[in-house]
Amino acid sequence: MSLNAYQRVRSIVETPRQAERRLMCEITGEMIHAREAGHVRGALMPSLHRNRELWSTFSAVCGSAGNELPMPLRASIISLALWVDQFTSDVAAGRESIDDLISVNRDIIEGLTGSGIPD
C-alpha cells in the first residue's frame, strides 16, 4: 500500500482523539530524542516549535464556538497551552529543562489513552 493510500485510510478510521494522541506521541518522542542527543537551546527549537504549535492549536480549538468539551476542561487546556508557550521560551533560552514539557505531554497522552471523554 502506498503512503498516500495508508494516510487516507488512517484519516477515515482515526478518531480526533486518536489523531491528537498520535501527534502528541510523535512530538513528545522528538523532544525526548533531542534531550537524549544532548541538544540544548537553539538545537531544541525544531521539536519545541512543533510542540508549541500543537498546544496553540489545542488552545484555539478549545476557545472556538461549538467545542463540546466541558468548560472546565477547555479552560484547563487553554491554561496549559499558555504555560507551554511561556515555558518553551524559558527552555529555548536555557533557563529551564525540556523535562517538564515532556512530562506534561506524557500526562496528556495518558489522558487521551484512557480518558472518559467519548471519541
C-alpha atoms as a PDB file:
ATOM      1  CA  MET A   1       0.000   0.000   0.000  1.00  0.00           C
ATOM      2  CA  SER A   2       1.370   3.407  -0.895  1.00  0.00           C
ATOM      3  CA  LEU A   3       1.954   6.069   1.749  1.00  0.00           C
ATOM      4  CA  ASN A   4      -0.871   8.208   0.346  1.00  0.00           C
ATOM      5  CA  ALA A   5      -3.302   5.297   0.476  1.00  0.00           C
ATOM      6  CA  TYR A   6      -2.261   4.487   4.034  1.00  0.00           C
ATOM      7  CA  GLN A   7      -2.770   8.110   5.105  1.00  0.00           C
ATOM      8  CA  ARG A   8      -6.234   8.206   3.506  1.00  0.00           C
ATOM      9  CA  VAL A   9      -7.279   5.020   5.306  1.00  0.00           C
ATOM     10  CA  ARG A  10      -5.904   6.313   8.609  1.00  0.00           C
ATOM     11  CA  SER A  11      -7.809   9.581   8.249  1.00  0.00           C
ATOM     12  CA  ILE A  12     -11.029   7.622   7.733  1.00  0.00           C
ATOM     13  CA  VAL A  13     -10.678   5.289  10.713  1.00  0.00           C
ATOM     14  CA  GLU A  14      -8.791   7.509  13.170  1.00  0.00           C
ATOM     15  CA  THR A  15     -10.900   9.472  15.656  1.00  0.00           C
ATOM     16  CA  PRO A  16      -9.917  13.042  16.505  1.00  0.00           C
ATOM     17  CA  ARG A  17      -8.711  11.915  19.930  1.00  0.00           C
ATOM     18  CA  GLN A  18      -6.600   9.170  18.360  1.00  0.00           C
ATOM     19  CA  ALA A  19      -5.101  11.697  15.959  1.00  0.00           C
ATOM     20  CA  GLU A  20      -4.334  14.058  18.857  1.00  0.00           C
ATOM     21  CA  ARG A  21      -2.702  11.232  20.793  1.00  0.00           C
ATOM     22  CA  ARG A  22      -0.669  10.075  17.789  1.00  0.00           C
ATOM     23  CA  LEU A  23       0.609  13.586  17.107  1.00  0.00           C
ATOM     24  CA  MET A  24       1.344  14.213  20.790  1.00  0.00           C
ATOM     25  CA  CYS A  25       3.317  10.921  20.929  1.00  0.00           C
ATOM     26  CA  GLU A  26       5.266  11.870  17.810  1.00  0.00           C
ATOM     27  CA  ILE A  27       6.201  15.329  19.080  1.00  0.00           C
ATOM     28  CA  THR A  28       6.996  14.091  22.579  1.00  0.00           C
ATOM     29  CA  GLY A  29       9.233  11.433  21.035  1.00  0.00           C
ATOM     30  CA  GLU A  30      11.054  14.156  19.103  1.00  0.00           C
ATOM     31  CA  MET A  31      11.620  16.119  22.317  1.00  0.00           C
ATOM     32  CA  ILE A  32      12.900  13.020  24.113  1.00  0.00           C
ATOM     33  CA  HIS A  33      15.229  12.246  21.222  1.00  0.00           C
ATOM     34  CA  ALA A  34      16.550  15.829  21.238  1.00  0.00           C
ATOM     35  CA  ARG A  35      17.127  15.690  25.001  1.00  0.00           C
ATOM     36  CA  GLU A  36      18.898  12.335  24.793  1.00  0.00           C
ATOM     37  CA  ALA A  37      21.079  13.672  21.970  1.00  0.00           C
ATOM     38  CA  GLY A  38      22.213  16.408  24.353  1.00  0.00           C
ATOM     39  CA  HIS A  39      20.552  19.232  22.468  1.00  0.00           C
ATOM     40  CA  VAL A  40      20.046  22.499  24.312  1.00  0.00           C
ATOM     41  CA  ARG A  41      18.752  25.950  23.452  1.00  0.00           C
ATOM     42  CA  GLY A  42      18.589  26.533  19.696  1.00  0.00           C
ATOM     43  CA  ALA A  43      19.163  22.879  18.857  1.00  0.00           C
ATOM     44  CA  LEU A  44      15.880  22.086  20.624  1.00  0.00           C
ATOM     45  CA  MET A  45      13.899  24.580  18.537  1.00  0.00           C
ATOM     46  CA  PRO A  46      12.510  22.231  15.872  1.00  0.00           C
ATOM     47  CA  SER A  47      10.835  19.979  18.456  1.00  0.00           C
ATOM     48  CA  LEU A  48       9.957  22.890  20.746  1.00  0.00           C
ATOM     49  CA  HIS A  49       8.335  24.734  17.859  1.00  0.00           C
ATOM     50  CA  ARG A  50       6.207  21.733  16.866  1.00  0.00           C
ATOM     51  CA  ASN A  51       5.134  21.253  20.470  1.00  0.00           C
ATOM     52  CA  ARG A  52       4.245  24.927  20.828  1.00  0.00           C
ATOM     53  CA  GLU A  53       2.230  24.802  17.586  1.00  0.00           C
ATOM     54  CA  LEU A  54       0.347  21.727  18.786  1.00  0.00           C
ATOM     55  CA  TRP A  55      -0.564  23.374  22.079  1.00  0.00           C
ATOM     56  CA  SER A  56      -1.538  26.569  20.290  1.00  0.00           C
ATOM     57  CA  THR A  57      -3.894  24.532  18.121  1.00  0.00           C
ATOM     58  CA  PHE A  58      -5.369  22.815  21.180  1.00  0.00           C
ATOM     59  CA  SER A  59      -5.950  26.233  22.730  1.00  0.00           C
ATOM     60  CA  ALA A  60      -7.585  27.641  19.603  1.00  0.00           C
ATOM     61  CA  VAL A  61      -9.874  24.630  19.275  1.00  0.00           C
ATOM     62  CA  CYS A  62     -10.860  24.821  22.944  1.00  0.00           C
ATOM     63  CA  GLY A  63     -11.666  28.508  22.554  1.00  0.00           C
ATOM     64  CA  SER A  64     -13.790  28.026  19.463  1.00  0.00           C
ATOM     65  CA  ALA A  65     -17.571  28.110  19.389  1.00  0.00           C
ATOM     66  CA  GLY A  66     -19.138  24.699  19.188  1.00  0.00           C
ATOM     67  CA  ASN A  67     -16.433  22.884  21.132  1.00  0.00           C
ATOM     68  CA  GLU A  68     -18.288  20.225  23.094  1.00  0.00           C
ATOM     69  CA  LEU A  69     -15.683  19.564  25.779  1.00  0.00           C
ATOM     70  CA  PRO A  70     -16.783  20.595  29.272  1.00  0.00           C
ATOM     71  CA  MET A  71     -15.917  24.231  30.006  1.00  0.00           C
ATOM     72  CA  PRO A  72     -13.576  23.410  32.948  1.00  0.00           C
ATOM     73  CA  LEU A  73     -11.584  21.019  30.735  1.00  0.00           C
ATOM     74  CA  ARG A  74     -11.415  23.581  27.929  1.00  0.00           C
ATOM     75  CA  ALA A  75     -10.183  26.210  30.400  1.00  0.00           C
ATOM     76  CA  SER A  76      -7.543  23.817  31.735  1.00  0.00           C
ATOM     77  CA  ILE A  77      -6.262  23.031  28.243  1.00  0.00           C
ATOM     78  CA  ILE A  78      -6.079  26.735  27.372  1.00  0.00           C
ATOM     79  CA  SER A  79      -4.233  27.405  30.635  1.00  0.00           C
ATOM     80  CA  LEU A  80      -1.771  24.591  29.903  1.00  0.00           C
ATOM     81  CA  ALA A  81      -1.234  25.942  26.389  1.00  0.00           C
ATOM     82  CA  LEU A  82      -0.365  29.355  27.812  1.00  0.00           C
ATOM     83  CA  TRP A  83       2.062  27.737  30.254  1.00  0.00           C
ATOM     84  CA  VAL A  84       3.629  25.666  27.438  1.00  0.00           C
ATOM     85  CA  ASP A  85       4.112  28.816  25.369  1.00  0.00           C
ATOM     86  CA  GLN A  86       5.907  30.660  28.173  1.00  0.00           C
ATOM     87  CA  PHE A  87       7.877  27.667  29.426  1.00  0.00           C
ATOM     88  CA  THR A  88       9.038  26.875  25.886  1.00  0.00           C
ATOM     89  CA  SER A  89      10.658  30.308  25.759  1.00  0.00           C
ATOM     90  CA  ASP A  90      12.444  29.533  29.028  1.00  0.00           C
ATOM     91  CA  VAL A  91      13.685  26.187  27.669  1.00  0.00           C
ATOM     92  CA  ALA A  92      14.890  27.805  24.436  1.00  0.00           C
ATOM     93  CA  ALA A  93      16.757  30.429  26.455  1.00  0.00           C
ATOM     94  CA  GLY A  94      18.412  27.757  28.589  1.00  0.00           C
ATOM     95  CA  ARG A  95      16.652  28.830  31.812  1.00  0.00           C
ATOM     96  CA  GLU A  96      14.642  25.600  32.108  1.00  0.00           C
ATOM     97  CA  SER A  97      14.921  21.948  31.106  1.00  0.00           C
ATOM     98  CA  ILE A  98      12.760  20.339  28.458  1.00  0.00           C
ATOM     99  CA  ASP A  99      11.825  17.643  31.006  1.00  0.00           C
ATOM    100  CA  ASP A 100       8.722  19.448  32.297  1.00  0.00           C
ATOM    101  CA  LEU A 101       7.321  19.839  28.772  1.00  0.00           C
ATOM    102  CA  ILE A 102       7.888  16.135  28.164  1.00  0.00           C
ATOM    103  CA  SER A 103       6.187  15.299  31.457  1.00  0.00           C
ATOM    104  CA  VAL A 104       3.114  17.415  30.678  1.00  0.00           C
ATOM    105  CA  ASN A 105       2.817  15.835  27.244  1.00  0.00           C
ATOM    106  CA  ARG A 106       3.100  12.350  28.729  1.00  0.00           C
ATOM    107  CA  ASP A 107       0.294  13.167  31.164  1.00  0.00           C
ATOM    108  CA  ILE A 108      -1.893  14.354  28.296  1.00  0.00           C
ATOM    109  CA  ILE A 109      -1.059  11.242  26.259  1.00  0.00           C
ATOM    110  CA  GLU A 110      -2.111   9.129  29.221  1.00  0.00           C
ATOM    111  CA  GLY A 111      -5.361  11.084  29.465  1.00  0.00           C
ATOM    112  CA  LEU A 112      -6.046  10.717  25.753  1.00  0.00           C
ATOM    113  CA  THR A 113      -5.398   6.999  26.050  1.00  0.00           C
ATOM    114  CA  GLY A 114      -7.727   6.306  28.931  1.00  0.00           C
ATOM    115  CA  SER A 115      -9.967   9.315  29.360  1.00  0.00           C
ATOM    116  CA  GLY A 116     -13.678   9.085  29.837  1.00  0.00           C
ATOM    117  CA  ILE A 117     -14.257  11.597  27.058  1.00  0.00           C
ATOM    118  CA  PRO A 118     -16.117   9.886  24.216  1.00  0.00           C
ATOM    119  CA  ASP A 119     -14.420   9.599  20.803  1.00  0.00           C
END
